[in-house]
Amino acid sequence: DDPTAVVDGELKVRGVDGLRVIDC
């Protein structure tokens, strides 16, 4: 529910499937 968060707790990018961020 945080509109400024880019990834969730599983590092998945919101709004795009198959994409994660894994760095600092």
PDBML (XML) file of the C-alpha atoms, coordinates in Angstrom:
<?xml version="1.0" encoding="UTF-8" ?>
<PDBx:datablock datablockName="MODEL"
   xmlns:PDBx="http://pdbml.pdb.org/schema/pdbx-v50.xsd"
   xmlns:xsi="http://www.w3.org/2001/XMLSchema-instance"
   xsi:schemaLocation="http://pdbml.pdb.org/schema/pdbx-v50.xsd pdbx-v50.xsd">
   <PDBx:atom_siteCategory>
      <PDBx:atom_site id="1">
         <PDBx:B_iso_or_equiv>0.00</PDBx:B_iso_or_equiv>
         <PDBx:Cartn_x>0.000</PDBx:Cartn_x>
         <PDBx:Cartn_y>0.000</PDBx:Cartn_y>
         <PDBx:Cartn_z>0.000</PDBx:Cartn_z>
         <PDBx:auth_asym_id>A</PDBx:auth_asym_id>
         <PDBx:auth_atom_id>CA</PDBx:auth_atom_id>
         <PDBx:auth_comp_id>ASP</PDBx:auth_comp_id>
         <PDBx:auth_seq_id>1</PDBx:auth_seq_id>
         <PDBx:group_PDB>ATOM</PDBx:group_PDB>
         <PDBx:label_alt_id xsi:nil="true" />
         <PDBx:label_asym_id>A</PDBx:label_asym_id>
         <PDBx:label_atom_id>CA</PDBx:label_atom_id>
         <PDBx:label_comp_id>ASP</PDBx:label_comp_id>
         <PDBx:label_entity_id>1</PDBx:label_entity_id>
         <PDBx:label_seq_id>1</PDBx:label_seq_id>
         <PDBx:occupancy>1.00</PDBx:occupancy>
         <PDBx:pdbx_PDB_model_num>1</PDBx:pdbx_PDB_model_num>
         <PDBx:type_symbol>C</PDBx:type_symbol>
      </PDBx:atom_site>
      <PDBx:atom_site id="2">
         <PDBx:B_iso_or_equiv>0.00</PDBx:B_iso_or_equiv>
         <PDBx:Cartn_x>3.052</PDBx:Cartn_x>
         <PDBx:Cartn_y>2.274</PDBx:Cartn_y>
         <PDBx:Cartn_z>-0.279</PDBx:Cartn_z>
         <PDBx:auth_asym_id>A</PDBx:auth_asym_id>
         <PDBx:auth_atom_id>CA</PDBx:auth_atom_id>
         <PDBx:auth_comp_id>ASP</PDBx:auth_comp_id>
         <PDBx:auth_seq_id>2</PDBx:auth_seq_id>
         <PDBx:group_PDB>ATOM</PDBx:group_PDB>
         <PDBx:label_alt_id xsi:nil="true" />
         <PDBx:label_asym_id>A</PDBx:label_asym_id>
         <PDBx:label_atom_id>CA</PDBx:label_atom_id>
         <PDBx:label_comp_id>ASP</PDBx:label_comp_id>
         <PDBx:label_entity_id>1</PDBx:label_entity_id>
         <PDBx:label_seq_id>2</PDBx:label_seq_id>
         <PDBx:occupancy>1.00</PDBx:occupancy>
         <PDBx:pdbx_PDB_model_num>1</PDBx:pdbx_PDB_model_num>
         <PDBx:type_symbol>C</PDBx:type_symbol>
      </PDBx:atom_site>
      <PDBx:atom_site id="3">
         <PDBx:B_iso_or_equiv>0.00</PDBx:B_iso_or_equiv>
         <PDBx:Cartn_x>2.795</PDBx:Cartn_x>
         <PDBx:Cartn_y>4.072</PDBx:Cartn_y>
         <PDBx:Cartn_z>-3.644</PDBx:Cartn_z>
         <PDBx:auth_asym_id>A</PDBx:auth_asym_id>
         <PDBx:auth_atom_id>CA</PDBx:auth_atom_id>
         <PDBx:auth_comp_id>PRO</PDBx:auth_comp_id>
         <PDBx:auth_seq_id>3</PDBx:auth_seq_id>
         <PDBx:group_PDB>ATOM</PDBx:group_PDB>
         <PDBx:label_alt_id xsi:nil="true" />
         <PDBx:label_asym_id>A</PDBx:label_asym_id>
         <PDBx:label_atom_id>CA</PDBx:label_atom_id>
         <PDBx:label_comp_id>PRO</PDBx:label_comp_id>
         <PDBx:label_entity_id>1</PDBx:label_entity_id>
         <PDBx:label_seq_id>3</PDBx:label_seq_id>
         <PDBx:occupancy>1.00</PDBx:occupancy>
         <PDBx:pdbx_PDB_model_num>1</PDBx:pdbx_PDB_model_num>
         <PDBx:type_symbol>C</PDBx:type_symbol>
      </PDBx:atom_site>
      <PDBx:atom_site id="4">
         <PDBx:B_iso_or_equiv>0.00</PDBx:B_iso_or_equiv>
         <PDBx:Cartn_x>6.472</PDBx:Cartn_x>
         <PDBx:Cartn_y>5.109</PDBx:Cartn_y>
         <PDBx:Cartn_z>-3.572</PDBx:Cartn_z>
         <PDBx:auth_asym_id>A</PDBx:auth_asym_id>
         <PDBx:auth_atom_id>CA</PDBx:auth_atom_id>
         <PDBx:auth_comp_id>THR</PDBx:auth_comp_id>
         <PDBx:auth_seq_id>4</PDBx:auth_seq_id>
         <PDBx:group_PDB>ATOM</PDBx:group_PDB>
         <PDBx:label_alt_id xsi:nil="true" />
         <PDBx:label_asym_id>A</PDBx:label_asym_id>
         <PDBx:label_atom_id>CA</PDBx:label_atom_id>
         <PDBx:label_comp_id>THR</PDBx:label_comp_id>
         <PDBx:label_entity_id>1</PDBx:label_entity_id>
         <PDBx:label_seq_id>4</PDBx:label_seq_id>
         <PDBx:occupancy>1.00</PDBx:occupancy>
         <PDBx:pdbx_PDB_model_num>1</PDBx:pdbx_PDB_model_num>
         <PDBx:type_symbol>C</PDBx:type_symbol>
      </PDBx:atom_site>
      <PDBx:atom_site id="5">
         <PDBx:B_iso_or_equiv>0.00</PDBx:B_iso_or_equiv>
         <PDBx:Cartn_x>7.839</PDBx:Cartn_x>
         <PDBx:Cartn_y>1.596</PDBx:Cartn_y>
         <PDBx:Cartn_z>-2.966</PDBx:Cartn_z>
         <PDBx:auth_asym_id>A</PDBx:auth_asym_id>
         <PDBx:auth_atom_id>CA</PDBx:auth_atom_id>
         <PDBx:auth_comp_id>ALA</PDBx:auth_comp_id>
         <PDBx:auth_seq_id>5</PDBx:auth_seq_id>
         <PDBx:group_PDB>ATOM</PDBx:group_PDB>
         <PDBx:label_alt_id xsi:nil="true" />
         <PDBx:label_asym_id>A</PDBx:label_asym_id>
         <PDBx:label_atom_id>CA</PDBx:label_atom_id>
         <PDBx:label_comp_id>ALA</PDBx:label_comp_id>
         <PDBx:label_entity_id>1</PDBx:label_entity_id>
         <PDBx:label_seq_id>5</PDBx:label_seq_id>
         <PDBx:occupancy>1.00</PDBx:occupancy>
         <PDBx:pdbx_PDB_model_num>1</PDBx:pdbx_PDB_model_num>
         <PDBx:type_symbol>C</PDBx:type_symbol>
      </PDBx:atom_site>
      <PDBx:atom_site id="6">
         <PDBx:B_iso_or_equiv>0.00</PDBx:B_iso_or_equiv>
         <PDBx:Cartn_x>9.428</PDBx:Cartn_x>
         <PDBx:Cartn_y>0.165</PDBx:Cartn_y>
         <PDBx:Cartn_z>-6.119</PDBx:Cartn_z>
         <PDBx:auth_asym_id>A</PDBx:auth_asym_id>
         <PDBx:auth_atom_id>CA</PDBx:auth_atom_id>
         <PDBx:auth_comp_id>VAL</PDBx:auth_comp_id>
         <PDBx:auth_seq_id>6</PDBx:auth_seq_id>
         <PDBx:group_PDB>ATOM</PDBx:group_PDB>
         <PDBx:label_alt_id xsi:nil="true" />
         <PDBx:label_asym_id>A</PDBx:label_asym_id>
         <PDBx:label_atom_id>CA</PDBx:label_atom_id>
         <PDBx:label_comp_id>VAL</PDBx:label_comp_id>
         <PDBx:label_entity_id>1</PDBx:label_entity_id>
         <PDBx:label_seq_id>6</PDBx:label_seq_id>
         <PDBx:occupancy>1.00</PDBx:occupancy>
         <PDBx:pdbx_PDB_model_num>1</PDBx:pdbx_PDB_model_num>
         <PDBx:type_symbol>C</PDBx:type_symbol>
      </PDBx:atom_site>
      <PDBx:atom_site id="7">
         <PDBx:B_iso_or_equiv>0.00</PDBx:B_iso_or_equiv>
         <PDBx:Cartn_x>9.801</PDBx:Cartn_x>
         <PDBx:Cartn_y>-3.478</PDBx:Cartn_y>
         <PDBx:Cartn_z>-5.077</PDBx:Cartn_z>
         <PDBx:auth_asym_id>A</PDBx:auth_asym_id>
         <PDBx:auth_atom_id>CA</PDBx:auth_atom_id>
         <PDBx:auth_comp_id>VAL</PDBx:auth_comp_id>
         <PDBx:auth_seq_id>7</PDBx:auth_seq_id>
         <PDBx:group_PDB>ATOM</PDBx:group_PDB>
         <PDBx:label_alt_id xsi:nil="true" />
         <PDBx:label_asym_id>A</PDBx:label_asym_id>
         <PDBx:label_atom_id>CA</PDBx:label_atom_id>
         <PDBx:label_comp_id>VAL</PDBx:label_comp_id>
         <PDBx:label_entity_id>1</PDBx:label_entity_id>
         <PDBx:label_seq_id>7</PDBx:label_seq_id>
         <PDBx:occupancy>1.00</PDBx:occupancy>
         <PDBx:pdbx_PDB_model_num>1</PDBx:pdbx_PDB_model_num>
         <PDBx:type_symbol>C</PDBx:type_symbol>
      </PDBx:atom_site>
      <PDBx:atom_site id="8">
         <PDBx:B_iso_or_equiv>0.00</PDBx:B_iso_or_equiv>
         <PDBx:Cartn_x>7.983</PDBx:Cartn_x>
         <PDBx:Cartn_y>-5.666</PDBx:Cartn_y>
         <PDBx:Cartn_z>-2.584</PDBx:Cartn_z>
         <PDBx:auth_asym_id>A</PDBx:auth_asym_id>
         <PDBx:auth_atom_id>CA</PDBx:auth_atom_id>
         <PDBx:auth_comp_id>ASP</PDBx:auth_comp_id>
         <PDBx:auth_seq_id>8</PDBx:auth_seq_id>
         <PDBx:group_PDB>ATOM</PDBx:group_PDB>
         <PDBx:label_alt_id xsi:nil="true" />
         <PDBx:label_asym_id>A</PDBx:label_asym_id>
         <PDBx:label_atom_id>CA</PDBx:label_atom_id>
         <PDBx:label_comp_id>ASP</PDBx:label_comp_id>
         <PDBx:label_entity_id>1</PDBx:label_entity_id>
         <PDBx:label_seq_id>8</PDBx:label_seq_id>
         <PDBx:occupancy>1.00</PDBx:occupancy>
         <PDBx:pdbx_PDB_model_num>1</PDBx:pdbx_PDB_model_num>
         <PDBx:type_symbol>C</PDBx:type_symbol>
      </PDBx:atom_site>
      <PDBx:atom_site id="9">
         <PDBx:B_iso_or_equiv>0.00</PDBx:B_iso_or_equiv>
         <PDBx:Cartn_x>9.479</PDBx:Cartn_x>
         <PDBx:Cartn_y>-7.879</PDBx:Cartn_y>
         <PDBx:Cartn_z>0.096</PDBx:Cartn_z>
         <PDBx:auth_asym_id>A</PDBx:auth_asym_id>
         <PDBx:auth_atom_id>CA</PDBx:auth_atom_id>
         <PDBx:auth_comp_id>GLY</PDBx:auth_comp_id>
         <PDBx:auth_seq_id>9</PDBx:auth_seq_id>
         <PDBx:group_PDB>ATOM</PDBx:group_PDB>
         <PDBx:label_alt_id xsi:nil="true" />
         <PDBx:label_asym_id>A</PDBx:label_asym_id>
         <PDBx:label_atom_id>CA</PDBx:label_atom_id>
         <PDBx:label_comp_id>GLY</PDBx:label_comp_id>
         <PDBx:label_entity_id>1</PDBx:label_entity_id>
         <PDBx:label_seq_id>9</PDBx:label_seq_id>
         <PDBx:occupancy>1.00</PDBx:occupancy>
         <PDBx:pdbx_PDB_model_num>1</PDBx:pdbx_PDB_model_num>
         <PDBx:type_symbol>C</PDBx:type_symbol>
      </PDBx:atom_site>
      <PDBx:atom_site id="10">
         <PDBx:B_iso_or_equiv>0.00</PDBx:B_iso_or_equiv>
         <PDBx:Cartn_x>10.346</PDBx:Cartn_x>
         <PDBx:Cartn_y>-10.493</PDBx:Cartn_y>
         <PDBx:Cartn_z>-2.521</PDBx:Cartn_z>
         <PDBx:auth_asym_id>A</PDBx:auth_asym_id>
         <PDBx:auth_atom_id>CA</PDBx:auth_atom_id>
         <PDBx:auth_comp_id>GLU</PDBx:auth_comp_id>
         <PDBx:auth_seq_id>10</PDBx:auth_seq_id>
         <PDBx:group_PDB>ATOM</PDBx:group_PDB>
         <PDBx:label_alt_id xsi:nil="true" />
         <PDBx:label_asym_id>A</PDBx:label_asym_id>
         <PDBx:label_atom_id>CA</PDBx:label_atom_id>
         <PDBx:label_comp_id>GLU</PDBx:label_comp_id>
         <PDBx:label_entity_id>1</PDBx:label_entity_id>
         <PDBx:label_seq_id>10</PDBx:label_seq_id>
         <PDBx:occupancy>1.00</PDBx:occupancy>
         <PDBx:pdbx_PDB_model_num>1</PDBx:pdbx_PDB_model_num>
         <PDBx:type_symbol>C</PDBx:type_symbol>
      </PDBx:atom_site>
      <PDBx:atom_site id="11">
         <PDBx:B_iso_or_equiv>0.00</PDBx:B_iso_or_equiv>
         <PDBx:Cartn_x>12.196</PDBx:Cartn_x>
         <PDBx:Cartn_y>-7.813</PDBx:Cartn_y>
         <PDBx:Cartn_z>-4.532</PDBx:Cartn_z>
         <PDBx:auth_asym_id>A</PDBx:auth_asym_id>
         <PDBx:auth_atom_id>CA</PDBx:auth_atom_id>
         <PDBx:auth_comp_id>LEU</PDBx:auth_comp_id>
         <PDBx:auth_seq_id>11</PDBx:auth_seq_id>
         <PDBx:group_PDB>ATOM</PDBx:group_PDB>
         <PDBx:label_alt_id xsi:nil="true" />
         <PDBx:label_asym_id>A</PDBx:label_asym_id>
         <PDBx:label_atom_id>CA</PDBx:label_atom_id>
         <PDBx:label_comp_id>LEU</PDBx:label_comp_id>
         <PDBx:label_entity_id>1</PDBx:label_entity_id>
         <PDBx:label_seq_id>11</PDBx:label_seq_id>
         <PDBx:occupancy>1.00</PDBx:occupancy>
         <PDBx:pdbx_PDB_model_num>1</PDBx:pdbx_PDB_model_num>
         <PDBx:type_symbol>C</PDBx:type_symbol>
      </PDBx:atom_site>
      <PDBx:atom_site id="12">
         <PDBx:B_iso_or_equiv>0.00</PDBx:B_iso_or_equiv>
         <PDBx:Cartn_x>9.663</PDBx:Cartn_x>
         <PDBx:Cartn_y>-7.998</PDBx:Cartn_y>
         <PDBx:Cartn_z>-7.362</PDBx:Cartn_z>
         <PDBx:auth_asym_id>A</PDBx:auth_asym_id>
         <PDBx:auth_atom_id>CA</PDBx:auth_atom_id>
         <PDBx:auth_comp_id>LYS</PDBx:auth_comp_id>
         <PDBx:auth_seq_id>12</PDBx:auth_seq_id>
         <PDBx:group_PDB>ATOM</PDBx:group_PDB>
         <PDBx:label_alt_id xsi:nil="true" />
         <PDBx:label_asym_id>A</PDBx:label_asym_id>
         <PDBx:label_atom_id>CA</PDBx:label_atom_id>
         <PDBx:label_comp_id>LYS</PDBx:label_comp_id>
         <PDBx:label_entity_id>1</PDBx:label_entity_id>
         <PDBx:label_seq_id>12</PDBx:label_seq_id>
         <PDBx:occupancy>1.00</PDBx:occupancy>
         <PDBx:pdbx_PDB_model_num>1</PDBx:pdbx_PDB_model_num>
         <PDBx:type_symbol>C</PDBx:type_symbol>
      </PDBx:atom_site>
      <PDBx:atom_site id="13">
         <PDBx:B_iso_or_equiv>0.00</PDBx:B_iso_or_equiv>
         <PDBx:Cartn_x>9.140</PDBx:Cartn_x>
         <PDBx:Cartn_y>-4.766</PDBx:Cartn_y>
         <PDBx:Cartn_z>-9.284</PDBx:Cartn_z>
         <PDBx:auth_asym_id>A</PDBx:auth_asym_id>
         <PDBx:auth_atom_id>CA</PDBx:auth_atom_id>
         <PDBx:auth_comp_id>VAL</PDBx:auth_comp_id>
         <PDBx:auth_seq_id>13</PDBx:auth_seq_id>
         <PDBx:group_PDB>ATOM</PDBx:group_PDB>
         <PDBx:label_alt_id xsi:nil="true" />
         <PDBx:label_asym_id>A</PDBx:label_asym_id>
         <PDBx:label_atom_id>CA</PDBx:label_atom_id>
         <PDBx:label_comp_id>VAL</PDBx:label_comp_id>
         <PDBx:label_entity_id>1</PDBx:label_entity_id>
         <PDBx:label_seq_id>13</PDBx:label_seq_id>
         <PDBx:occupancy>1.00</PDBx:occupancy>
         <PDBx:pdbx_PDB_model_num>1</PDBx:pdbx_PDB_model_num>
         <PDBx:type_symbol>C</PDBx:type_symbol>
      </PDBx:atom_site>
      <PDBx:atom_site id="14">
         <PDBx:B_iso_or_equiv>0.00</PDBx:B_iso_or_equiv>
         <PDBx:Cartn_x>5.587</PDBx:Cartn_x>
         <PDBx:Cartn_y>-3.519</PDBx:Cartn_y>
         <PDBx:Cartn_z>-8.998</PDBx:Cartn_z>
         <PDBx:auth_asym_id>A</PDBx:auth_asym_id>
         <PDBx:auth_atom_id>CA</PDBx:auth_atom_id>
         <PDBx:auth_comp_id>ARG</PDBx:auth_comp_id>
         <PDBx:auth_seq_id>14</PDBx:auth_seq_id>
         <PDBx:group_PDB>ATOM</PDBx:group_PDB>
         <PDBx:label_alt_id xsi:nil="true" />
         <PDBx:label_asym_id>A</PDBx:label_asym_id>
         <PDBx:label_atom_id>CA</PDBx:label_atom_id>
         <PDBx:label_comp_id>ARG</PDBx:label_comp_id>
         <PDBx:label_entity_id>1</PDBx:label_entity_id>
         <PDBx:label_seq_id>14</PDBx:label_seq_id>
         <PDBx:occupancy>1.00</PDBx:occupancy>
         <PDBx:pdbx_PDB_model_num>1</PDBx:pdbx_PDB_model_num>
         <PDBx:type_symbol>C</PDBx:type_symbol>
      </PDBx:atom_site>
      <PDBx:atom_site id="15">
         <PDBx:B_iso_or_equiv>0.00</PDBx:B_iso_or_equiv>
         <PDBx:Cartn_x>3.614</PDBx:Cartn_x>
         <PDBx:Cartn_y>-3.547</PDBx:Cartn_y>
         <PDBx:Cartn_z>-12.226</PDBx:Cartn_z>
         <PDBx:auth_asym_id>A</PDBx:auth_asym_id>
         <PDBx:auth_atom_id>CA</PDBx:auth_atom_id>
         <PDBx:auth_comp_id>GLY</PDBx:auth_comp_id>
         <PDBx:auth_seq_id>15</PDBx:auth_seq_id>
         <PDBx:group_PDB>ATOM</PDBx:group_PDB>
         <PDBx:label_alt_id xsi:nil="true" />
         <PDBx:label_asym_id>A</PDBx:label_asym_id>
         <PDBx:label_atom_id>CA</PDBx:label_atom_id>
         <PDBx:label_comp_id>GLY</PDBx:label_comp_id>
         <PDBx:label_entity_id>1</PDBx:label_entity_id>
         <PDBx:label_seq_id>15</PDBx:label_seq_id>
         <PDBx:occupancy>1.00</PDBx:occupancy>
         <PDBx:pdbx_PDB_model_num>1</PDBx:pdbx_PDB_model_num>
         <PDBx:type_symbol>C</PDBx:type_symbol>
      </PDBx:atom_site>
      <PDBx:atom_site id="16">
         <PDBx:B_iso_or_equiv>0.00</PDBx:B_iso_or_equiv>
         <PDBx:Cartn_x>6.098</PDBx:Cartn_x>
         <PDBx:Cartn_y>-5.657</PDBx:Cartn_y>
         <PDBx:Cartn_z>-14.221</PDBx:Cartn_z>
         <PDBx:auth_asym_id>A</PDBx:auth_asym_id>
         <PDBx:auth_atom_id>CA</PDBx:auth_atom_id>
         <PDBx:auth_comp_id>VAL</PDBx:auth_comp_id>
         <PDBx:auth_seq_id>16</PDBx:auth_seq_id>
         <PDBx:group_PDB>ATOM</PDBx:group_PDB>
         <PDBx:label_alt_id xsi:nil="true" />
         <PDBx:label_asym_id>A</PDBx:label_asym_id>
         <PDBx:label_atom_id>CA</PDBx:label_atom_id>
         <PDBx:label_comp_id>VAL</PDBx:label_comp_id>
         <PDBx:label_entity_id>1</PDBx:label_entity_id>
         <PDBx:label_seq_id>16</PDBx:label_seq_id>
         <PDBx:occupancy>1.00</PDBx:occupancy>
         <PDBx:pdbx_PDB_model_num>1</PDBx:pdbx_PDB_model_num>
         <PDBx:type_symbol>C</PDBx:type_symbol>
      </PDBx:atom_site>
      <PDBx:atom_site id="17">
         <PDBx:B_iso_or_equiv>0.00</PDBx:B_iso_or_equiv>
         <PDBx:Cartn_x>6.199</PDBx:Cartn_x>
         <PDBx:Cartn_y>-9.450</PDBx:Cartn_y>
         <PDBx:Cartn_z>-14.005</PDBx:Cartn_z>
         <PDBx:auth_asym_id>A</PDBx:auth_asym_id>
         <PDBx:auth_atom_id>CA</PDBx:auth_atom_id>
         <PDBx:auth_comp_id>ASP</PDBx:auth_comp_id>
         <PDBx:auth_seq_id>17</PDBx:auth_seq_id>
         <PDBx:group_PDB>ATOM</PDBx:group_PDB>
         <PDBx:label_alt_id xsi:nil="true" />
         <PDBx:label_asym_id>A</PDBx:label_asym_id>
         <PDBx:label_atom_id>CA</PDBx:label_atom_id>
         <PDBx:label_comp_id>ASP</PDBx:label_comp_id>
         <PDBx:label_entity_id>1</PDBx:label_entity_id>
         <PDBx:label_seq_id>17</PDBx:label_seq_id>
         <PDBx:occupancy>1.00</PDBx:occupancy>
         <PDBx:pdbx_PDB_model_num>1</PDBx:pdbx_PDB_model_num>
         <PDBx:type_symbol>C</PDBx:type_symbol>
      </PDBx:atom_site>
      <PDBx:atom_site id="18">
         <PDBx:B_iso_or_equiv>0.00</PDBx:B_iso_or_equiv>
         <PDBx:Cartn_x>9.465</PDBx:Cartn_x>
         <PDBx:Cartn_y>-11.365</PDBx:Cartn_y>
         <PDBx:Cartn_z>-14.222</PDBx:Cartn_z>
         <PDBx:auth_asym_id>A</PDBx:auth_asym_id>
         <PDBx:auth_atom_id>CA</PDBx:auth_atom_id>
         <PDBx:auth_comp_id>GLY</PDBx:auth_comp_id>
         <PDBx:auth_seq_id>18</PDBx:auth_seq_id>
         <PDBx:group_PDB>ATOM</PDBx:group_PDB>
         <PDBx:label_alt_id xsi:nil="true" />
         <PDBx:label_asym_id>A</PDBx:label_asym_id>
         <PDBx:label_atom_id>CA</PDBx:label_atom_id>
         <PDBx:label_comp_id>GLY</PDBx:label_comp_id>
         <PDBx:label_entity_id>1</PDBx:label_entity_id>
         <PDBx:label_seq_id>18</PDBx:label_seq_id>
         <PDBx:occupancy>1.00</PDBx:occupancy>
         <PDBx:pdbx_PDB_model_num>1</PDBx:pdbx_PDB_model_num>
         <PDBx:type_symbol>C</PDBx:type_symbol>
      </PDBx:atom_site>
      <PDBx:atom_site id="19">
         <PDBx:B_iso_or_equiv>0.00</PDBx:B_iso_or_equiv>
         <PDBx:Cartn_x>11.580</PDBx:Cartn_x>
         <PDBx:Cartn_y>-8.457</PDBx:Cartn_y>
         <PDBx:Cartn_z>-12.934</PDBx:Cartn_z>
         <PDBx:auth_asym_id>A</PDBx:auth_asym_id>
         <PDBx:auth_atom_id>CA</PDBx:auth_atom_id>
         <PDBx:auth_comp_id>LEU</PDBx:auth_comp_id>
         <PDBx:auth_seq_id>19</PDBx:auth_seq_id>
         <PDBx:group_PDB>ATOM</PDBx:group_PDB>
         <PDBx:label_alt_id xsi:nil="true" />
         <PDBx:label_asym_id>A</PDBx:label_asym_id>
         <PDBx:label_atom_id>CA</PDBx:label_atom_id>
         <PDBx:label_comp_id>LEU</PDBx:label_comp_id>
         <PDBx:label_entity_id>1</PDBx:label_entity_id>
         <PDBx:label_seq_id>19</PDBx:label_seq_id>
         <PDBx:occupancy>1.00</PDBx:occupancy>
         <PDBx:pdbx_PDB_model_num>1</PDBx:pdbx_PDB_model_num>
         <PDBx:type_symbol>C</PDBx:type_symbol>
      </PDBx:atom_site>
      <PDBx:atom_site id="20">
         <PDBx:B_iso_or_equiv>0.00</PDBx:B_iso_or_equiv>
         <PDBx:Cartn_x>13.401</PDBx:Cartn_x>
         <PDBx:Cartn_y>-8.080</PDBx:Cartn_y>
         <PDBx:Cartn_z>-9.625</PDBx:Cartn_z>
         <PDBx:auth_asym_id>A</PDBx:auth_asym_id>
         <PDBx:auth_atom_id>CA</PDBx:auth_atom_id>
         <PDBx:auth_comp_id>ARG</PDBx:auth_comp_id>
         <PDBx:auth_seq_id>20</PDBx:auth_seq_id>
         <PDBx:group_PDB>ATOM</PDBx:group_PDB>
         <PDBx:label_alt_id xsi:nil="true" />
         <PDBx:label_asym_id>A</PDBx:label_asym_id>
         <PDBx:label_atom_id>CA</PDBx:label_atom_id>
         <PDBx:label_comp_id>ARG</PDBx:label_comp_id>
         <PDBx:label_entity_id>1</PDBx:label_entity_id>
         <PDBx:label_seq_id>20</PDBx:label_seq_id>
         <PDBx:occupancy>1.00</PDBx:occupancy>
         <PDBx:pdbx_PDB_model_num>1</PDBx:pdbx_PDB_model_num>
         <PDBx:type_symbol>C</PDBx:type_symbol>
      </PDBx:atom_site>
      <PDBx:atom_site id="21">
         <PDBx:B_iso_or_equiv>0.00</PDBx:B_iso_or_equiv>
         <PDBx:Cartn_x>16.036</PDBx:Cartn_x>
         <PDBx:Cartn_y>-5.783</PDBx:Cartn_y>
         <PDBx:Cartn_z>-8.143</PDBx:Cartn_z>
         <PDBx:auth_asym_id>A</PDBx:auth_asym_id>
         <PDBx:auth_atom_id>CA</PDBx:auth_atom_id>
         <PDBx:auth_comp_id>VAL</PDBx:auth_comp_id>
         <PDBx:auth_seq_id>21</PDBx:auth_seq_id>
         <PDBx:group_PDB>ATOM</PDBx:group_PDB>
         <PDBx:label_alt_id xsi:nil="true" />
         <PDBx:label_asym_id>A</PDBx:label_asym_id>
         <PDBx:label_atom_id>CA</PDBx:label_atom_id>
         <PDBx:label_comp_id>VAL</PDBx:label_comp_id>
         <PDBx:label_entity_id>1</PDBx:label_entity_id>
         <PDBx:label_seq_id>21</PDBx:label_seq_id>
         <PDBx:occupancy>1.00</PDBx:occupancy>
         <PDBx:pdbx_PDB_model_num>1</PDBx:pdbx_PDB_model_num>
         <PDBx:type_symbol>C</PDBx:type_symbol>
      </PDBx:atom_site>
      <PDBx:atom_site id="22">
         <PDBx:B_iso_or_equiv>0.00</PDBx:B_iso_or_equiv>
         <PDBx:Cartn_x>18.818</PDBx:Cartn_x>
         <PDBx:Cartn_y>-7.470</PDBx:Cartn_y>
         <PDBx:Cartn_z>-6.158</PDBx:Cartn_z>
         <PDBx:auth_asym_id>A</PDBx:auth_asym_id>
         <PDBx:auth_atom_id>CA</PDBx:auth_atom_id>
         <PDBx:auth_comp_id>ILE</PDBx:auth_comp_id>
         <PDBx:auth_seq_id>22</PDBx:auth_seq_id>
         <PDBx:group_PDB>ATOM</PDBx:group_PDB>
         <PDBx:label_alt_id xsi:nil="true" />
         <PDBx:label_asym_id>A</PDBx:label_asym_id>
         <PDBx:label_atom_id>CA</PDBx:label_atom_id>
         <PDBx:label_comp_id>ILE</PDBx:label_comp_id>
         <PDBx:label_entity_id>1</PDBx:label_entity_id>
         <PDBx:label_seq_id>22</PDBx:label_seq_id>
         <PDBx:occupancy>1.00</PDBx:occupancy>
         <PDBx:pdbx_PDB_model_num>1</PDBx:pdbx_PDB_model_num>
         <PDBx:type_symbol>C</PDBx:type_symbol>
      </PDBx:atom_site>
      <PDBx:atom_site id="23">
         <PDBx:B_iso_or_equiv>0.00</PDBx:B_iso_or_equiv>
         <PDBx:Cartn_x>21.289</PDBx:Cartn_x>
         <PDBx:Cartn_y>-4.747</PDBx:Cartn_y>
         <PDBx:Cartn_z>-5.098</PDBx:Cartn_z>
         <PDBx:auth_asym_id>A</PDBx:auth_asym_id>
         <PDBx:auth_atom_id>CA</PDBx:auth_atom_id>
         <PDBx:auth_comp_id>ASP</PDBx:auth_comp_id>
         <PDBx:auth_seq_id>23</PDBx:auth_seq_id>
         <PDBx:group_PDB>ATOM</PDBx:group_PDB>
         <PDBx:label_alt_id xsi:nil="true" />
         <PDBx:label_asym_id>A</PDBx:label_asym_id>
         <PDBx:label_atom_id>CA</PDBx:label_atom_id>
         <PDBx:label_comp_id>ASP</PDBx:label_comp_id>
         <PDBx:label_entity_id>1</PDBx:label_entity_id>
         <PDBx:label_seq_id>23</PDBx:label_seq_id>
         <PDBx:occupancy>1.00</PDBx:occupancy>
         <PDBx:pdbx_PDB_model_num>1</PDBx:pdbx_PDB_model_num>
         <PDBx:type_symbol>C</PDBx:type_symbol>
      </PDBx:atom_site>
      <PDBx:atom_site id="24">
         <PDBx:B_iso_or_equiv>0.00</PDBx:B_iso_or_equiv>
         <PDBx:Cartn_x>21.619</PDBx:Cartn_x>
         <PDBx:Cartn_y>-1.991</PDBx:Cartn_y>
         <PDBx:Cartn_z>-2.471</PDBx:Cartn_z>
         <PDBx:auth_asym_id>A</PDBx:auth_asym_id>
         <PDBx:auth_atom_id>CA</PDBx:auth_atom_id>
         <PDBx:auth_comp_id>CYS</PDBx:auth_comp_id>
         <PDBx:auth_seq_id>24</PDBx:auth_seq_id>
         <PDBx:group_PDB>ATOM</PDBx:group_PDB>
         <PDBx:label_alt_id xsi:nil="true" />
         <PDBx:label_asym_id>A</PDBx:label_asym_id>
         <PDBx:label_atom_id>CA</PDBx:label_atom_id>
         <PDBx:label_comp_id>CYS</PDBx:label_comp_id>
         <PDBx:label_entity_id>1</PDBx:label_entity_id>
         <PDBx:label_seq_id>24</PDBx:label_seq_id>
         <PDBx:occupancy>1.00</PDBx:occupancy>
         <PDBx:pdbx_PDB_model_num>1</PDBx:pdbx_PDB_model_num>
         <PDBx:type_symbol>C</PDBx:type_symbol>
      </PDBx:atom_site>
   </PDBx:atom_siteCategory>
</PDBx:datablock>
